[in-house]
Structures are given as structure tokens and as C-alpha cells.
N, C-alpha and C. Protein backbone atom coordinates (compact mmCIF):
# COMPACT_ATOMS: atom_id res chain seq x y z
N UNK A 1 -18.39 77.37 -19.54
CA UNK A 1 -18.29 76.35 -19.08
C UNK A 1 -18.72 74.85 -19.31
N UNK A 2 -19.53 74.60 -19.90
CA UNK A 2 -19.60 73.68 -20.41
C UNK A 2 -18.58 73.14 -21.12
N UNK A 3 -18.12 72.88 -21.56
CA UNK A 3 -16.44 72.60 -21.93
C UNK A 3 -15.91 71.93 -20.87
N UNK A 4 -15.60 72.84 -20.05
CA UNK A 4 -15.00 72.18 -18.90
C UNK A 4 -15.91 71.20 -18.14
N UNK A 5 -16.82 71.10 -18.10
CA UNK A 5 -17.71 70.28 -17.32
C UNK A 5 -17.76 69.05 -18.39
N UNK A 6 -18.13 69.09 -19.44
CA UNK A 6 -17.82 68.04 -20.46
C UNK A 6 -16.33 66.92 -20.73
N UNK A 7 -15.22 67.70 -20.30
CA UNK A 7 -13.66 67.52 -20.29
C UNK A 7 -13.76 67.03 -18.56
N UNK A 8 -14.46 67.75 -17.79
CA UNK A 8 -13.95 67.04 -16.53
C UNK A 8 -14.69 65.71 -15.92
N UNK A 9 -16.04 65.64 -16.57
CA UNK A 9 -16.63 64.69 -16.49
C UNK A 9 -15.77 63.11 -16.98
N UNK A 10 -14.97 63.02 -17.64
CA UNK A 10 -14.48 61.94 -18.11
C UNK A 10 -13.13 61.66 -17.19
N UNK A 11 -12.81 62.84 -17.46
CA UNK A 11 -11.17 62.83 -16.23
C UNK A 11 -11.91 62.09 -15.01
N UNK A 12 -12.81 62.72 -14.59
CA UNK A 12 -13.37 61.73 -13.46
C UNK A 12 -13.72 60.38 -13.14
N UNK A 13 -14.36 60.33 -14.45
CA UNK A 13 -14.75 58.46 -14.98
C UNK A 13 -13.81 57.98 -14.69
N UNK A 14 -12.61 58.20 -15.07
CA UNK A 14 -10.96 57.66 -15.72
C UNK A 14 -10.62 57.43 -14.35
N UNK A 15 -10.65 58.90 -12.95
CA UNK A 15 -10.12 58.59 -12.14
C UNK A 15 -11.01 57.52 -11.27
N UNK A 16 -12.29 57.41 -11.14
CA UNK A 16 -13.17 56.44 -10.31
C UNK A 16 -12.61 55.24 -11.12
N UNK A 17 -12.75 54.44 -12.29
CA UNK A 17 -12.37 53.45 -12.88
C UNK A 17 -10.66 53.46 -12.03
N UNK A 18 -9.75 53.97 -12.13
CA UNK A 18 -8.23 53.59 -12.14
C UNK A 18 -8.25 53.51 -10.43
N UNK A 19 -9.50 53.99 -9.84
CA UNK A 19 -9.56 54.19 -8.27
C UNK A 19 -10.12 52.24 -7.55
N UNK A 20 -11.13 52.49 -8.97
CA UNK A 20 -11.88 50.64 -8.78
C UNK A 20 -10.56 49.76 -8.96
N UNK A 21 -9.66 49.96 -10.16
CA UNK A 21 -8.88 48.81 -10.65
C UNK A 21 -7.52 49.29 -9.05
N UNK A 22 -7.60 50.34 -9.02
CA UNK A 22 -6.32 49.93 -7.78
C UNK A 22 -7.22 49.58 -6.43
N UNK A 23 -8.48 49.74 -5.93
CA UNK A 23 -8.89 48.46 -5.09
C UNK A 23 -8.97 47.34 -5.23
N UNK A 24 -9.43 46.84 -6.26
CA UNK A 24 -9.17 45.45 -7.04
C UNK A 24 -8.29 44.91 -6.64
N UNK A 25 -6.60 45.83 -7.34
CA UNK A 25 -5.80 45.20 -7.09
C UNK A 25 -5.27 45.09 -6.24
N UNK A 26 -5.49 46.26 -4.87
CA UNK A 26 -5.03 45.62 -3.63
C UNK A 26 -5.95 44.57 -2.88
N UNK A 27 -7.02 44.27 -3.35
CA UNK A 27 -7.66 43.48 -2.65
C UNK A 27 -7.30 42.24 -3.29
N UNK A 28 -6.81 42.24 -4.21
CA UNK A 28 -5.83 40.27 -5.22
C UNK A 28 -4.87 40.66 -4.23
N UNK A 29 -4.04 41.66 -3.98
CA UNK A 29 -2.67 41.58 -3.47
C UNK A 29 -3.48 40.77 -2.05
N UNK A 30 -4.42 41.74 -1.66
CA UNK A 30 -4.77 40.84 0.09
C UNK A 30 -4.77 39.15 -0.01
N UNK A 31 -5.97 39.30 -1.13
CA UNK A 31 -6.23 37.67 -1.24
C UNK A 31 -4.73 36.93 -1.88
N UNK A 32 -4.03 37.28 -2.22
CA UNK A 32 -2.84 36.47 -2.49
C UNK A 32 -2.03 36.61 -1.60
N UNK A 33 -1.70 37.19 -0.54
CA UNK A 33 -1.34 37.28 0.44
C UNK A 33 -1.57 36.12 1.55
N UNK A 34 -2.53 36.19 1.65
CA UNK A 34 -3.81 35.28 2.58
C UNK A 34 -3.40 34.09 1.98
N UNK A 35 -3.35 33.81 0.93
CA UNK A 35 -3.64 32.30 -0.55
C UNK A 35 -2.02 32.07 0.00
N UNK A 36 -0.83 32.95 0.24
CA UNK A 36 0.35 32.17 0.18
C UNK A 36 0.56 31.94 1.92
N UNK A 37 -0.54 32.88 2.98
CA UNK A 37 0.01 32.28 4.08
C UNK A 37 -1.02 30.94 4.26
N UNK A 38 -2.08 30.65 3.67
CA UNK A 38 -2.72 29.46 3.84
C UNK A 38 -1.89 27.91 3.19
N UNK A 39 -0.97 29.03 2.25
CA UNK A 39 -0.54 27.43 1.20
C UNK A 39 0.80 27.40 2.50
N UNK A 40 1.92 28.23 2.89
CA UNK A 40 2.74 28.15 3.72
C UNK A 40 1.98 27.39 5.26
N UNK A 41 0.63 27.42 5.32
CA UNK A 41 0.55 27.17 6.66
C UNK A 41 0.32 25.68 6.01
N UNK A 42 -0.14 25.19 5.19
CA UNK A 42 -0.33 23.88 5.07
C UNK A 42 0.35 22.99 4.57
N UNK A 43 1.71 23.88 3.65
CA UNK A 43 2.79 23.37 3.79
C UNK A 43 4.10 22.76 5.23
N UNK A 44 3.56 23.55 5.96
CA UNK A 44 4.38 23.51 7.17
C UNK A 44 3.41 21.86 8.08
N UNK A 45 1.94 21.91 7.83
CA UNK A 45 1.74 20.76 8.54
C UNK A 45 1.51 19.91 8.10
N UNK A 46 1.99 19.96 6.28
CA UNK A 46 2.07 18.49 5.78
C UNK A 46 3.83 18.40 6.11
N UNK A 47 4.54 18.81 6.55
CA UNK A 47 5.84 18.78 7.03
C UNK A 47 5.73 17.88 8.27
N UNK A 48 4.65 18.54 8.73
CA UNK A 48 4.75 17.96 10.14
C UNK A 48 4.13 16.83 9.73
N UNK A 49 2.90 16.19 9.68
CA UNK A 49 2.43 14.91 9.43
C UNK A 49 3.71 14.00 8.64
N UNK A 50 4.33 14.30 7.42
CA UNK A 50 5.64 13.80 6.85
C UNK A 50 6.40 12.75 8.21
N UNK A 51 6.93 14.38 8.71
CA UNK A 51 7.57 14.16 10.30
C UNK A 51 6.96 13.07 11.20
N UNK A 52 5.88 12.89 11.17
CA UNK A 52 5.02 12.19 12.02
C UNK A 52 5.09 11.06 11.38
N UNK A 53 4.82 10.56 10.41
CA UNK A 53 4.18 9.81 9.39
C UNK A 53 6.13 8.60 9.39
N UNK A 54 6.86 9.48 9.34
CA UNK A 54 8.47 9.10 9.13
C UNK A 54 8.51 8.18 10.22
N UNK A 55 8.19 9.30 11.81
CA UNK A 55 8.60 8.38 12.86
C UNK A 55 8.05 7.35 13.07
N UNK A 56 6.41 7.15 12.80
CA UNK A 56 5.62 5.92 13.19
C UNK A 56 6.24 4.84 12.50
N UNK A 57 6.69 5.29 10.79
CA UNK A 57 7.44 4.16 10.43
C UNK A 57 8.26 3.50 10.76
N UNK A 58 9.08 4.22 10.90
CA UNK A 58 10.39 3.73 11.75
C UNK A 58 10.42 3.18 12.95
N UNK A 59 9.45 3.41 13.93
CA UNK A 59 8.94 2.61 14.91
C UNK A 59 8.11 1.33 14.75
N UNK A 60 7.42 1.24 13.79
CA UNK A 60 6.89 0.36 13.13
C UNK A 60 7.69 -0.64 12.42
N UNK A 61 8.67 -0.29 11.79
CA UNK A 61 10.05 -1.42 11.53
C UNK A 61 10.55 -1.99 12.91
N UNK A 62 11.15 -0.78 13.39
CA UNK A 62 11.62 -1.42 14.70
C UNK A 62 11.22 -2.48 15.47
N UNK A 63 9.42 -2.58 15.70
CA UNK A 63 8.65 -3.31 16.34
C UNK A 63 8.84 -4.38 15.64
N UNK A 64 8.50 -4.47 14.49
CA UNK A 64 8.66 -5.18 13.38
C UNK A 64 10.05 -6.10 13.42
N UNK A 65 10.76 -5.68 13.51
CA UNK A 65 12.11 -6.32 13.45
C UNK A 65 12.49 -6.94 14.96
N UNK A 66 11.91 -6.66 15.77
CA UNK A 66 12.00 -6.79 17.56
C UNK A 66 11.10 -8.03 17.49
N UNK A 67 9.66 -7.82 17.05
CA UNK A 67 8.83 -9.10 17.20
C UNK A 67 9.43 -10.46 16.57
N UNK A 68 10.07 -9.87 15.02
CA UNK A 68 10.99 -11.17 13.96
C UNK A 68 12.14 -12.01 14.78
N UNK A 69 12.62 -10.97 15.43
CA UNK A 69 13.85 -11.53 16.66
C UNK A 69 13.49 -12.11 17.71
N UNK A 70 12.18 -11.72 18.16
CA UNK A 70 11.49 -12.54 19.24
C UNK A 70 11.05 -13.66 18.97
N UNK A 71 10.58 -13.94 17.67
CA UNK A 71 9.58 -15.36 17.24
C UNK A 71 10.55 -15.62 16.25
N UNK A 72 11.85 -15.23 15.99
CA UNK A 72 12.70 -16.50 15.89
C UNK A 72 13.51 -17.17 16.74
N UNK A 73 13.46 -16.85 17.41
CA UNK A 73 14.41 -16.51 19.26
C UNK A 73 13.54 -17.72 19.69
N UNK A 74 11.92 -17.58 19.89
CA UNK A 74 11.27 -18.34 20.41
C UNK A 74 11.13 -19.95 18.93
N UNK A 75 11.16 -19.72 18.36
CA UNK A 75 10.96 -21.06 17.41
C UNK A 75 12.42 -21.64 17.51
N UNK A 76 13.36 -21.12 17.32
CA UNK A 76 14.53 -21.49 17.88
C UNK A 76 14.24 -22.57 19.45
N UNK A 77 14.13 -21.59 20.10
CA UNK A 77 13.91 -22.30 21.71
C UNK A 77 13.00 -23.60 21.58
N UNK A 78 11.77 -23.41 20.66
CA UNK A 78 10.74 -24.25 20.60
C UNK A 78 11.39 -25.98 19.67
N UNK A 79 11.95 -25.55 18.90
CA UNK A 79 12.80 -26.79 17.68
C UNK A 79 14.06 -27.11 19.64
N UNK A 80 14.72 -26.82 19.66
CA UNK A 80 15.24 -26.99 20.67
C UNK A 80 14.70 -28.41 21.79
N UNK A 81 13.66 -27.62 22.22
CA UNK A 81 12.77 -28.44 23.44
C UNK A 81 12.35 -29.48 22.73
N UNK A 82 11.84 -29.45 21.26
CA UNK A 82 11.05 -30.50 20.55
C UNK A 82 11.93 -31.95 20.57
N UNK A 83 13.65 -30.86 20.34
CA UNK A 83 14.27 -32.09 20.00
C UNK A 83 15.06 -33.12 21.22
N UNK A 84 14.78 -32.16 22.28
CA UNK A 84 15.24 -32.82 23.81
C UNK A 84 13.94 -33.46 24.09
N UNK A 85 12.53 -33.32 23.84
CA UNK A 85 11.30 -34.30 24.36
C UNK A 85 11.57 -35.31 23.27
N UNK A 86 12.23 -35.28 21.82
CA UNK A 86 12.50 -36.65 20.87
C UNK A 86 13.44 -37.80 21.52
N UNK A 87 14.59 -36.96 22.56
CA UNK A 87 15.73 -37.34 22.61
C UNK A 87 15.03 -38.26 24.08
N UNK A 88 14.87 -37.68 25.24
CA UNK A 88 14.15 -38.24 26.15
C UNK A 88 13.19 -39.17 26.07
N UNK A 89 12.21 -39.03 24.87
CA UNK A 89 11.51 -40.03 24.82
C UNK A 89 12.42 -41.10 23.82
N UNK A 90 13.61 -41.19 23.51
CA UNK A 90 14.47 -42.20 22.56
C UNK A 90 15.08 -43.03 23.84
N UNK A 91 15.47 -42.15 24.93
CA UNK A 91 15.95 -42.43 26.06
C UNK A 91 15.23 -43.79 27.06
N UNK A 92 13.92 -42.91 26.70
CA UNK A 92 12.65 -44.09 27.93
C UNK A 92 12.46 -45.12 27.30
N UNK A 93 12.52 -45.20 25.95
CA UNK A 93 11.85 -46.24 25.57
C UNK A 93 13.54 -47.15 25.23
N UNK A 94 14.29 -46.74 25.37
CA UNK A 94 15.09 -47.78 25.64
C UNK A 94 15.38 -48.26 27.25
N UNK A 95 15.39 -47.50 28.08
CA UNK A 95 15.13 -48.02 29.17
C UNK A 95 13.88 -48.72 29.06
N UNK A 96 12.93 -48.63 28.86
CA UNK A 96 11.88 -49.42 28.74
C UNK A 96 12.32 -51.33 28.18
N UNK A 97 13.09 -50.98 27.28
CA UNK A 97 13.63 -52.35 26.70
C UNK A 97 14.90 -52.87 27.71
N UNK A 98 15.41 -51.97 28.55
CA UNK A 98 16.34 -52.60 29.27
C UNK A 98 15.66 -53.22 30.48
N UNK A 99 14.47 -52.51 30.76
CA UNK A 99 13.67 -52.96 31.80
C UNK A 99 12.99 -54.35 31.67
N UNK A 100 12.43 -54.44 30.44
CA UNK A 100 11.74 -55.55 29.89
C UNK A 100 13.07 -56.85 30.19
N UNK A 101 14.27 -56.36 29.63
CA UNK A 101 15.18 -57.32 29.44
C UNK A 101 15.67 -58.47 30.61
N UNK A 102 15.65 -57.24 31.42
CA UNK A 102 16.13 -57.12 33.04
C UNK A 102 14.79 -57.74 33.70
N UNK A 103 13.69 -57.65 33.49
CA UNK A 103 12.40 -58.34 34.32
C UNK A 103 12.57 -59.63 33.45
N UNK A 104 12.83 -60.05 32.11
CA UNK A 104 12.55 -61.69 31.75
C UNK A 104 14.22 -61.96 32.16
N UNK A 105 15.25 -61.22 32.48
CA UNK A 105 16.43 -61.78 32.95
C UNK A 105 15.89 -62.59 34.77
N UNK A 106 15.47 -61.54 35.45
CA UNK A 106 15.25 -61.64 36.56
C UNK A 106 14.03 -63.11 36.97
N UNK A 107 13.09 -63.35 35.94
CA UNK A 107 12.33 -64.30 35.84
C UNK A 107 12.95 -65.11 35.58
N UNK A 108 13.85 -65.89 35.03
CA UNK A 108 14.76 -66.68 34.42
C UNK A 108 16.08 -67.20 35.94
N UNK A 109 16.70 -66.07 36.18
CA UNK A 109 17.35 -65.91 37.15
C UNK A 109 16.54 -66.64 38.61
N UNK A 110 15.47 -65.82 38.74
CA UNK A 110 14.24 -66.59 40.04
C UNK A 110 14.05 -67.94 39.70
N UNK A 111 13.25 -68.65 38.62
CA UNK A 111 13.29 -69.90 37.85
C UNK A 111 14.45 -70.82 38.53
N UNK A 112 15.88 -70.52 38.28
CA UNK A 112 16.91 -71.26 38.63
C UNK A 112 17.15 -71.21 39.66
N UNK A 113 17.10 -69.96 40.36
CA UNK A 113 17.23 -70.26 41.57
C UNK A 113 16.52 -71.04 42.34
N UNK A 114 15.03 -71.05 42.02
CA UNK A 114 14.22 -71.86 42.88
C UNK A 114 14.56 -73.85 42.49
N UNK A 115 15.18 -73.80 41.19
CA UNK A 115 15.39 -75.07 40.83
C UNK A 115 16.64 -75.31 41.70
N UNK A 116 17.87 -74.50 41.78
CA UNK A 116 18.92 -74.83 42.89
C UNK A 116 18.18 -75.39 44.34
N UNK A 117 17.54 -74.26 44.71
CA UNK A 117 17.12 -74.61 46.22
C UNK A 117 16.61 -75.56 46.46
N UNK A 118 15.89 -75.91 45.28
CA UNK A 118 14.92 -77.68 45.32
C UNK A 118 16.11 -78.42 45.23
N UNK A 119 16.92 -78.48 44.69
CA UNK A 119 18.36 -79.29 44.41
C UNK A 119 18.91 -79.34 45.57
N UNK A 120 19.23 -77.97 46.25
CA UNK A 120 19.67 -77.73 47.55
C UNK A 120 18.75 -78.79 48.51
N UNK A 121 17.88 -78.42 48.87
CA UNK A 121 16.83 -79.27 49.51
C UNK A 121 16.71 -80.90 49.20
N UNK A 122 17.16 -81.37 48.17
CA UNK A 122 16.89 -82.57 47.75
C UNK A 122 18.34 -83.12 48.41
N UNK A 123 19.62 -82.34 48.16
CA UNK A 123 20.71 -82.91 48.74
C UNK A 123 20.84 -83.02 50.03
N UNK A 124 20.23 -81.95 50.63
CA UNK A 124 20.00 -81.86 52.11
C UNK A 124 19.64 -83.13 52.90
N UNK A 125 18.54 -83.51 52.17
CA UNK A 125 17.81 -84.55 52.59
C UNK A 125 18.56 -85.98 52.36
N UNK A 126 19.14 -86.00 51.00
CA UNK A 126 19.79 -86.74 50.48
C UNK A 126 21.29 -87.51 51.69
N UNK A 127 21.78 -86.44 52.22
CA UNK A 127 22.46 -86.23 53.24
C UNK A 127 22.33 -86.56 54.44
N UNK A 128 21.44 -86.32 55.12
CA UNK A 128 20.92 -86.15 56.42
C UNK A 128 20.30 -88.05 55.92
N UNK A 129 19.79 -88.65 55.14
CA UNK A 129 19.48 -90.00 55.25
C UNK A 129 20.88 -91.25 54.94
N UNK A 130 21.70 -90.43 54.65
CA UNK A 130 23.18 -91.11 54.95
C UNK A 130 24.33 -90.94 55.83
N UNK A 131 23.85 -89.92 56.94
CA UNK A 131 24.53 -89.74 57.98
C UNK A 131 23.39 -90.97 58.80
N UNK A 132 22.15 -90.87 58.52
CA UNK A 132 21.16 -91.69 59.57
C UNK A 132 21.82 -93.38 59.45
N UNK A 133 21.83 -93.09 58.61
CA UNK A 133 22.57 -95.17 58.39
C UNK A 133 23.96 -95.44 58.57
């Protein structure tokens, strides 16, 4: 019986080793499945982040384009208003020159009128003196 017992022990040891290896293999397969699941989950999460990033990027680009268009429009409007303001200033200067010229002419005409009134008064006085004589 000793021969059988001796022969039986290495088989049992090999069987135990084999079962241990099988268990390790099952554990490895389980870890591999878990790792693959985590990897897939991380990949899905990354895709969601990329999609969100692309959406934010598009939205930001649209807002930038709108801001540039708005700025351009306001810049054009500001330039137009500046040009109108310059034109009005030029027109005001022209009116001021006309006003000064008119004031000068008015003063000359007033002086001429005063002289004519004086001449008239003198002529009327002379005329009355001639009627009296």
C-alpha cells in the first residue's frame, strides 16, 4: 500500500496545483473582464467629454463670431457718427463765418442808414427853411 500512497500523493499535489492554477486563471479572467468594463466605461466617459467639449467649442466660436459682428457693426456706427459730427462741426463753423459776415454787413448798413437819416433830416430842415423864405 505504500506504493499506492506514494503514487497517489504526487497526483493529488498536481491536482491541487492544477486547481490553484485554474483558480488563478479564473481570477485573472474576472480581473480582465472588470478591467475591460472599466476601460469601456472610461472610453464612454471620454467620448461624452469630447462631445461636450466640441459642443462648447462650437458655442464659443458662434459667440465669438457674434461678438466680432456686433463689434464691427458698432465700430461702423461709431465711425458714421464721428463723420456726421465732423460734418456738423464744419457746418457750424461755416454758419459762424456767415454770422460774422452778416453782423459786419449789418453794422455797415446800420451806419449807412444812420448817415442817410442824418442827410434826410438835414434835407428836410433845408426844405423847411426854403418854404419859410
